[in-house]
Amino acid sequence: MQLLKLASVTAITLYSLYAYPCFGQVSGPSLKTAFQQDFLIGTALNGRQISERNEKETQLIIREYNAITPENVMKSGPIHPEPNLFNFEASDRYVAFGVKHGMYIVGHTLIWHSQLPSYVQHIRNADSLSHFMKGHIETVAGRYAGKIKSWDVLNEALEEDGSLRKSIFLQLLGEDYIAKAFEWAAQADPGAELYYNDYGIERPEKRKGAIKLIKSLQAKGLRIDGVGIQGHWGLNGNNLYDIENSIIEFSRLGIKVAFTELDISVLPHPSGVTTADISQNYAQDPKMNPYREGLPQAIQMAQAKRYEDIFKIFIKHKEKISRVTFWGAHDGQSWLNGWPIKNRTNYPLLHDRDLMPKPAYTSILNLKTK
């Protein structure tokens, strides 16, 4: 038993040394170069990264990624805080970052029921809400026309069962608000690709609802270029079959498939169900935060295997996939440190808090370089 344990530790240590060549100094191909013939490799940027405040972070981002998405600065709350006021300072810096570094720039997101300005949450009539929607889309998408390459026009409009989410937009405007959002986005930025973005739509029931939504737009003659599957998944998720089927079924609609917010949580979810509903909020519990002092090697290896299995599917269907974007450049940045429980220590991304590549990074890169 002791010999078996020692052998296991030795194997993990050797893998770790291989995964961190030259004590963490990255050499050879990057993610974006390794997958340049397959699909774009992207990351989400926070405000600090957009402003290039940390040179090491900036160098990591421009080395590994050729596509960027803003975490928060283009959502309607921050960018349109008052009815007649737009705050473009941060979003202008974001777009300038992408232009400067020659990246594919994603606009995220035009219409979403969450992170709305407070005045929108208090609208009680259809005309006022329609006026907000149209003006918001025309102003924001129009400002960046020709620079933004794709827009997440509509975000998370479905419930878990695939029915339409009972958001303020559905309640006041009915189902037609979806068509209007895509119509106005196409008019404001005719050169950009238009996407529907959601979590959990790899699962059959919710996927069915997404397919219905997309077909309804196509039936109206409206343009929708792609679907974004967020990919907020857990370490032990048994969803590889669903992921592959979702790629196949969505691509049959004649649209592109992107994985837009990929991360693999290593922490337990309090509900026991993997979801990305931002409204969830649970009390702190030490049992829900088991890796405060560091991530065990065995968990790192399990995460590496999980990423490897997922990317094997992506590579198999590379002709159907336009982009794979990780929801952050390193573990310290991840939203999963504060959701669905605040002040946890999660490790869902490819680089650690010191910006060092993890075994998960190497497991993906090896699929293209070995």
Protein backbone atom coordinates (compact mmCIF):
# COMPACT_ATOMS: atom_id res chain seq x y z
CA MET A 1 0.00 0.00 0.00
CA GLN A 2 2.80 2.38 0.90
CA LEU A 3 4.66 1.55 -2.33
CA LEU A 4 1.49 2.19 -4.37
CA LYS A 5 0.98 5.55 -2.70
CA LEU A 6 4.61 6.54 -3.36
CA ALA A 7 4.34 5.54 -7.00
CA SER A 8 1.20 7.61 -7.40
CA VAL A 9 2.83 10.69 -5.89
CA THR A 10 5.89 10.23 -8.10
CA ALA A 11 3.76 10.02 -11.23
CA ILE A 12 1.88 13.17 -10.30
CA THR A 13 5.10 15.01 -9.55
CA LEU A 14 6.61 14.04 -12.90
CA TYR A 15 3.49 15.19 -14.71
CA SER A 16 3.55 18.47 -12.82
CA LEU A 17 7.15 19.10 -13.85
CA TYR A 18 6.23 18.39 -17.44
CA ALA A 19 3.20 20.65 -17.22
CA TYR A 20 5.32 23.48 -15.81
CA PRO A 21 8.44 23.40 -18.00
CA CYS A 22 11.40 25.38 -16.69
CA PHE A 23 9.58 26.05 -13.42
CA GLY A 24 6.62 27.70 -15.08
CA GLN A 25 8.32 29.43 -17.99
CA VAL A 26 6.14 28.75 -21.02
CA SER A 27 7.96 27.83 -24.21
CA GLY A 28 6.86 26.45 -27.55
CA PRO A 29 3.37 26.83 -29.02
CA SER A 30 0.58 28.74 -27.34
CA LEU A 31 -3.07 27.76 -27.28
CA LYS A 32 -3.95 30.14 -30.11
CA THR A 33 -1.17 28.87 -32.36
CA ALA A 34 -1.84 25.21 -31.56
CA PHE A 35 -5.51 25.58 -32.54
CA GLN A 36 -5.13 28.20 -35.27
CA GLN A 37 -6.35 25.78 -37.95
CA ASP A 38 -9.32 24.68 -35.84
CA PHE A 39 -11.09 27.54 -34.05
CA LEU A 40 -10.44 30.77 -32.18
CA ILE A 41 -9.25 30.51 -28.57
CA GLY A 42 -10.60 33.30 -26.38
CA THR A 43 -10.67 34.63 -22.84
CA ALA A 44 -12.85 37.02 -20.86
CA LEU A 45 -11.31 40.28 -19.67
CA ASN A 46 -12.07 42.25 -16.53
CA GLY A 47 -11.60 46.00 -16.16
CA ARG A 48 -8.05 45.73 -14.83
CA GLN A 49 -6.96 43.60 -17.75
CA ILE A 50 -8.62 45.88 -20.27
CA SER A 51 -6.58 48.75 -18.83
CA GLU A 52 -3.38 46.64 -19.01
CA ARG A 53 -2.50 47.37 -15.39
CA ASN A 54 -0.52 44.16 -14.95
CA GLU A 55 2.12 43.52 -17.60
CA LYS A 56 2.35 39.79 -16.80
CA GLU A 57 -1.40 39.38 -17.24
CA THR A 58 -1.30 41.31 -20.51
CA GLN A 59 1.53 39.16 -21.85
CA LEU A 60 -0.31 35.97 -20.86
CA ILE A 61 -3.48 37.15 -22.62
CA ILE A 62 -1.84 38.22 -25.87
CA ARG A 63 0.34 35.10 -25.96
CA GLU A 64 -2.40 32.52 -25.47
CA TYR A 65 -5.57 34.05 -26.93
CA ASN A 66 -6.77 35.55 -30.19
CA ALA A 67 -10.33 36.40 -29.12
CA ILE A 68 -11.66 38.43 -26.19
CA THR A 69 -15.01 38.91 -24.44
CA PRO A 70 -15.75 41.55 -21.76
CA GLU A 71 -16.79 40.10 -18.42
CA ASN A 72 -19.02 43.00 -17.38
CA VAL A 73 -18.23 46.37 -18.96
CA MET A 74 -20.64 46.01 -21.90
CA LYS A 75 -23.63 44.75 -19.92
CA SER A 76 -26.50 47.20 -19.82
CA GLY A 77 -26.14 48.18 -16.15
CA PRO A 78 -22.57 49.49 -16.41
CA ILE A 79 -22.81 50.88 -19.95
CA HIS A 80 -26.31 52.45 -19.80
CA PRO A 81 -26.81 53.47 -16.16
CA GLU A 82 -29.41 56.20 -16.77
CA PRO A 83 -32.11 56.57 -19.47
CA ASN A 84 -30.19 59.18 -21.43
CA LEU A 85 -26.67 58.39 -20.24
CA PHE A 86 -24.17 55.94 -21.72
CA ASN A 87 -20.83 55.24 -20.07
CA PHE A 88 -18.48 54.12 -22.84
CA GLU A 89 -15.16 54.71 -21.08
CA ALA A 90 -14.48 51.08 -20.15
CA SER A 91 -16.03 49.58 -23.28
CA ASP A 92 -13.98 51.91 -25.48
CA ARG A 93 -10.82 50.70 -23.71
CA TYR A 94 -11.93 47.10 -24.22
CA VAL A 95 -12.40 47.54 -27.95
CA ALA A 96 -9.13 49.48 -28.19
CA PHE A 97 -7.34 46.57 -26.46
CA GLY A 98 -8.67 44.15 -29.06
CA VAL A 99 -7.79 46.40 -31.97
CA LYS A 100 -4.29 47.06 -30.60
CA HIS A 101 -3.53 43.35 -30.23
CA GLY A 102 -5.26 42.18 -33.41
CA MET A 103 -7.92 40.12 -31.64
CA TYR A 104 -11.39 38.92 -32.56
CA ILE A 105 -13.62 41.16 -30.42
CA VAL A 106 -16.89 39.89 -28.96
CA GLY A 107 -19.64 42.19 -27.69
CA HIS A 108 -21.30 40.79 -24.58
CA THR A 109 -24.22 41.27 -24.18
CA LEU A 110 -26.96 43.47 -25.67
CA ILE A 111 -30.11 42.08 -24.02
CA TRP A 112 -30.04 40.18 -20.72
CA HIS A 113 -32.56 40.04 -17.90
CA SER A 114 -29.78 40.32 -15.29
CA GLN A 115 -27.49 43.26 -14.47
CA LEU A 116 -30.08 45.65 -15.86
CA PRO A 117 -29.99 49.34 -14.93
CA SER A 118 -32.25 49.98 -11.96
CA TYR A 119 -34.60 52.23 -13.95
CA VAL A 120 -35.30 49.41 -16.42
CA GLN A 121 -36.26 47.07 -13.60
CA HIS A 122 -39.01 49.52 -12.65
CA ILE A 123 -40.50 49.92 -16.14
CA ARG A 124 -44.13 48.85 -16.16
CA ASN A 125 -45.31 49.40 -19.74
CA ALA A 126 -44.40 47.84 -23.08
CA ASP A 127 -43.70 51.07 -24.98
CA SER A 128 -41.10 52.24 -22.47
CA LEU A 129 -39.33 48.88 -22.43
CA SER A 130 -39.35 48.63 -26.22
CA HIS A 131 -37.94 52.18 -26.41
CA PHE A 132 -35.13 51.19 -24.05
CA MET A 133 -34.32 48.02 -26.00
CA LYS A 134 -34.23 49.69 -29.39
CA GLY A 135 -32.24 52.69 -28.20
CA HIS A 136 -29.79 50.56 -26.26
CA ILE A 137 -29.08 48.19 -29.16
CA GLU A 138 -28.84 50.96 -31.75
CA THR A 139 -26.50 53.07 -29.62
CA VAL A 140 -24.19 50.36 -28.28
CA ALA A 141 -23.98 48.12 -31.35
CA GLY A 142 -23.88 51.13 -33.64
CA ARG A 143 -20.96 52.71 -31.78
CA TYR A 144 -18.73 49.68 -32.37
CA ALA A 145 -19.95 48.70 -35.84
CA GLY A 146 -17.01 47.47 -37.88
CA LYS A 147 -14.87 46.72 -34.80
CA ILE A 148 -16.96 44.21 -32.87
CA LYS A 149 -16.82 40.90 -34.77
CA SER A 150 -19.77 39.21 -33.06
CA TRP A 151 -22.51 40.17 -30.62
CA ASP A 152 -24.19 38.08 -27.97
CA VAL A 153 -27.48 39.69 -28.92
CA LEU A 154 -29.58 37.82 -26.39
CA ASN A 155 -28.35 36.10 -23.24
CA GLU A 156 -30.06 33.40 -21.16
CA ALA A 157 -33.63 33.77 -22.39
CA LEU A 158 -34.56 30.17 -21.50
CA GLU A 159 -35.59 28.40 -18.32
CA GLU A 160 -34.04 25.05 -17.40
CA ASP A 161 -36.92 23.17 -19.04
CA GLY A 162 -36.42 24.99 -22.34
CA SER A 163 -39.40 27.32 -21.97
CA LEU A 164 -38.93 31.07 -22.34
CA ARG A 165 -37.65 32.75 -19.19
CA LYS A 166 -40.31 34.89 -17.53
CA SER A 167 -38.15 37.99 -17.67
CA ILE A 168 -39.35 41.57 -17.73
CA PHE A 169 -38.92 41.46 -21.51
CA LEU A 170 -41.19 38.46 -21.99
CA GLN A 171 -43.76 39.72 -19.49
CA LEU A 172 -44.16 43.16 -21.08
CA LEU A 173 -43.30 42.54 -24.74
CA GLY A 174 -44.15 38.90 -25.31
CA GLU A 175 -42.10 36.51 -27.43
CA ASP A 176 -41.66 39.14 -30.14
CA TYR A 177 -38.92 40.86 -28.10
CA ILE A 178 -36.49 38.13 -29.23
CA ALA A 179 -37.08 38.81 -32.91
CA LYS A 180 -36.87 42.56 -32.34
CA ALA A 181 -33.52 42.23 -30.57
CA PHE A 182 -31.99 40.40 -33.53
CA GLU A 183 -33.65 42.69 -36.07
CA TRP A 184 -32.33 45.85 -34.38
CA ALA A 185 -28.86 44.36 -33.86
CA ALA A 186 -28.59 43.44 -37.54
CA GLN A 187 -29.58 46.97 -38.53
CA ALA A 188 -27.15 48.61 -36.08
CA ASP A 189 -24.12 46.45 -36.96
CA PRO A 190 -24.73 44.64 -40.26
CA GLY A 191 -21.15 43.35 -40.46
CA ALA A 192 -21.09 41.57 -37.11
CA GLU A 193 -22.10 37.97 -36.45
CA LEU A 194 -25.16 37.63 -34.23
CA TYR A 195 -25.35 34.94 -31.52
CA TYR A 196 -27.80 33.58 -28.99
CA ASN A 197 -25.89 32.74 -25.77
CA ASP A 198 -26.99 30.55 -22.86
CA TYR A 199 -25.87 28.04 -20.24
CA GLY A 200 -27.09 24.45 -20.04
CA ILE A 201 -28.26 24.28 -23.66
CA GLU A 202 -26.13 21.20 -24.19
CA ARG A 203 -28.72 19.36 -22.09
CA PRO A 204 -31.47 17.81 -24.25
CA GLU A 205 -34.51 19.55 -22.72
CA LYS A 206 -33.05 23.05 -22.71
CA ARG A 207 -31.36 22.42 -26.07
CA LYS A 208 -34.78 21.70 -27.53
CA GLY A 209 -35.93 25.14 -26.38
CA ALA A 210 -32.85 26.81 -27.90
CA ILE A 211 -33.41 25.06 -31.21
CA LYS A 212 -37.03 26.22 -31.20
CA LEU A 213 -35.91 29.80 -30.50
CA ILE A 214 -33.36 29.74 -33.33
CA LYS A 215 -35.79 28.19 -35.81
CA SER A 216 -38.38 30.85 -34.96
CA LEU A 217 -35.90 33.58 -35.89
CA GLN A 218 -34.97 31.81 -39.11
CA ALA A 219 -38.65 31.35 -40.00
CA LYS A 220 -39.12 35.11 -39.71
CA GLY A 221 -36.24 35.68 -42.11
CA LEU A 222 -34.04 37.16 -39.39
CA ARG A 223 -30.32 36.62 -39.28
CA ILE A 224 -28.78 34.53 -36.51
CA ASP A 225 -25.24 33.40 -37.22
CA GLY A 226 -24.42 31.28 -34.22
CA VAL A 227 -25.23 29.86 -30.82
CA GLY A 228 -23.04 30.24 -27.76
CA ILE A 229 -22.95 27.30 -25.32
CA GLN A 230 -21.48 28.78 -22.16
CA GLY A 231 -19.80 25.68 -20.74
CA HIS A 232 -19.86 26.39 -16.99
CA TRP A 233 -19.33 22.77 -16.03
CA GLY A 234 -18.21 20.79 -13.01
CA LEU A 235 -15.35 18.42 -12.42
CA ASN A 236 -17.51 15.31 -12.25
CA GLY A 237 -20.05 16.19 -14.90
CA ASN A 238 -21.11 13.24 -17.04
CA ASN A 239 -22.15 15.31 -20.04
CA LEU A 240 -19.72 14.46 -22.85
CA TYR A 241 -22.48 12.78 -24.87
CA ASP A 242 -24.71 15.84 -24.49
CA ILE A 243 -21.89 18.22 -25.45
CA GLU A 244 -21.21 16.30 -28.66
CA ASN A 245 -24.87 16.00 -29.58
CA SER A 246 -25.41 19.70 -28.99
CA ILE A 247 -22.64 20.56 -31.47
CA ILE A 248 -24.20 18.26 -34.07
CA GLU A 249 -27.79 19.40 -33.58
CA PHE A 250 -27.08 23.14 -33.52
CA SER A 251 -24.84 22.95 -36.58
CA ARG A 252 -27.66 21.24 -38.49
CA LEU A 253 -29.51 24.56 -38.27
CA GLY A 254 -26.86 26.09 -40.52
CA ILE A 255 -25.31 28.20 -37.77
CA LYS A 256 -21.93 28.31 -36.06
CA VAL A 257 -21.36 26.82 -32.62
CA ALA A 258 -19.19 28.58 -30.04
CA PHE A 259 -18.28 27.64 -26.48
CA THR A 260 -18.35 31.06 -24.94
CA GLU A 261 -17.69 30.93 -21.19
CA LEU A 262 -15.78 27.73 -20.50
CA ASP A 263 -14.60 26.84 -17.00
CA ILE A 264 -14.47 23.64 -14.95
CA SER A 265 -15.29 24.16 -11.27
CA VAL A 266 -13.57 21.85 -8.78
CA LEU A 267 -15.85 22.81 -5.89
CA PRO A 268 -19.16 21.23 -4.87
CA HIS A 269 -22.35 23.04 -5.80
CA PRO A 270 -24.68 23.51 -2.81
CA SER A 271 -27.75 22.39 -4.77
CA GLY A 272 -25.97 19.36 -6.18
CA VAL A 273 -26.95 20.53 -9.68
CA THR A 274 -24.54 22.17 -12.07
CA THR A 275 -26.06 25.42 -13.31
CA ALA A 276 -24.97 28.98 -14.01
CA ASP A 277 -28.06 30.86 -12.88
CA ILE A 278 -26.50 34.03 -11.50
CA SER A 279 -29.45 34.62 -9.16
CA GLN A 280 -28.40 31.70 -6.94
CA ASN A 281 -26.88 32.69 -3.60
CA TYR A 282 -26.00 30.34 -0.74
CA ALA A 283 -24.59 30.87 2.75
CA GLN A 284 -20.90 30.23 3.38
CA ASP A 285 -20.05 26.74 4.59
CA PRO A 286 -16.52 25.39 5.18
CA LYS A 287 -17.51 22.07 3.61
CA MET A 288 -18.24 23.93 0.39
CA ASN A 289 -14.73 25.45 0.33
CA PRO A 290 -12.37 22.48 0.78
CA TYR A 291 -9.27 23.79 -1.07
CA ARG A 292 -8.53 27.11 0.57
CA GLU A 293 -4.87 26.19 1.10
CA GLY A 294 -4.28 24.83 -2.39
CA LEU A 295 -5.54 22.34 -4.93
CA PRO A 296 -4.42 18.71 -4.42
CA GLN A 297 -2.50 17.20 -7.29
CA ALA A 298 -5.07 14.45 -7.70
CA ILE A 299 -7.78 17.07 -8.29
CA GLN A 300 -5.55 18.93 -10.71
CA MET A 301 -5.08 15.72 -12.67
CA ALA A 302 -8.81 15.01 -12.69
CA GLN A 303 -9.48 18.50 -14.00
CA ALA A 304 -6.81 18.04 -16.66
CA LYS A 305 -8.50 14.83 -17.81
CA ARG A 306 -11.90 16.55 -17.88
CA TYR A 307 -10.57 19.37 -20.07
CA GLU A 308 -8.81 16.84 -22.29
CA ASP A 309 -11.99 14.82 -22.83
CA ILE A 310 -13.98 17.94 -23.69
CA PHE A 311 -11.36 19.22 -26.13
CA LYS A 312 -11.22 15.87 -27.89
CA ILE A 313 -14.86 16.45 -28.78
CA PHE A 314 -14.13 20.01 -29.89
CA ILE A 315 -11.33 18.81 -32.16
CA LYS A 316 -13.49 16.03 -33.59
CA HIS A 317 -16.09 18.62 -34.61
CA LYS A 318 -13.75 21.52 -35.32
CA GLU A 319 -15.37 22.35 -38.65
CA LYS A 320 -18.60 23.17 -36.79
CA ILE A 321 -17.01 25.27 -34.00
CA SER A 322 -16.08 28.92 -34.45
CA ARG A 323 -14.60 29.74 -31.05
CA VAL A 324 -13.78 28.37 -27.60
CA THR A 325 -13.55 31.10 -24.95
CA PHE A 326 -12.47 30.52 -21.35
CA TRP A 327 -14.27 32.65 -18.78
CA GLY A 328 -11.11 34.27 -17.46
CA ALA A 329 -7.37 34.12 -17.94
CA HIS A 330 -6.45 32.67 -14.51
CA ASP A 331 -8.01 31.20 -11.37
CA GLY A 332 -7.74 34.39 -9.32
CA GLN A 333 -9.99 36.21 -11.77
CA SER A 334 -12.78 33.65 -11.92
CA TRP A 335 -16.35 34.60 -11.02
CA LEU A 336 -16.62 31.17 -9.40
CA ASN A 337 -14.65 32.44 -6.41
CA GLY A 338 -17.75 34.44 -5.48
CA TRP A 339 -20.66 32.45 -6.92
CA PRO A 340 -22.89 30.77 -5.84
CA ILE A 341 -21.16 31.21 -2.46
CA LYS A 342 -19.03 34.24 -1.70
CA ASN A 343 -15.38 34.08 -0.68
CA ARG A 344 -14.56 30.60 -1.93
CA THR A 345 -11.28 29.51 -3.52
CA ASN A 346 -11.92 27.88 -6.86
CA TYR A 347 -9.51 26.71 -9.55
CA PRO A 348 -11.55 26.45 -12.77
CA LEU A 349 -9.18 27.80 -15.43
CA LEU A 350 -5.95 26.86 -17.22
CA HIS A 351 -3.57 29.15 -15.30
CA ASP A 352 -3.23 29.48 -11.54
CA ARG A 353 -3.20 32.63 -9.41
CA ASP A 354 0.50 33.13 -10.15
CA LEU A 355 -0.30 32.96 -13.89
CA MET A 356 1.46 29.60 -14.17
CA PRO A 357 0.09 26.94 -16.55
CA LYS A 358 -1.70 24.08 -14.83
CA PRO A 359 -1.87 20.41 -15.85
CA ALA A 360 -5.18 21.29 -17.54
CA TYR A 361 -3.31 23.64 -19.86
CA THR A 362 -0.83 20.96 -20.84
CA SER A 363 -3.52 18.32 -21.33
CA ILE A 364 -5.20 20.52 -23.93
CA LEU A 365 -2.00 21.62 -25.63
CA ASN A 366 -0.75 18.03 -25.88
CA LEU A 367 -3.74 17.13 -28.02
CA LYS A 368 -2.27 19.30 -30.77
CA THR A 369 1.48 19.15 -30.17
CA LYS A 370 2.36 15.57 -29.23
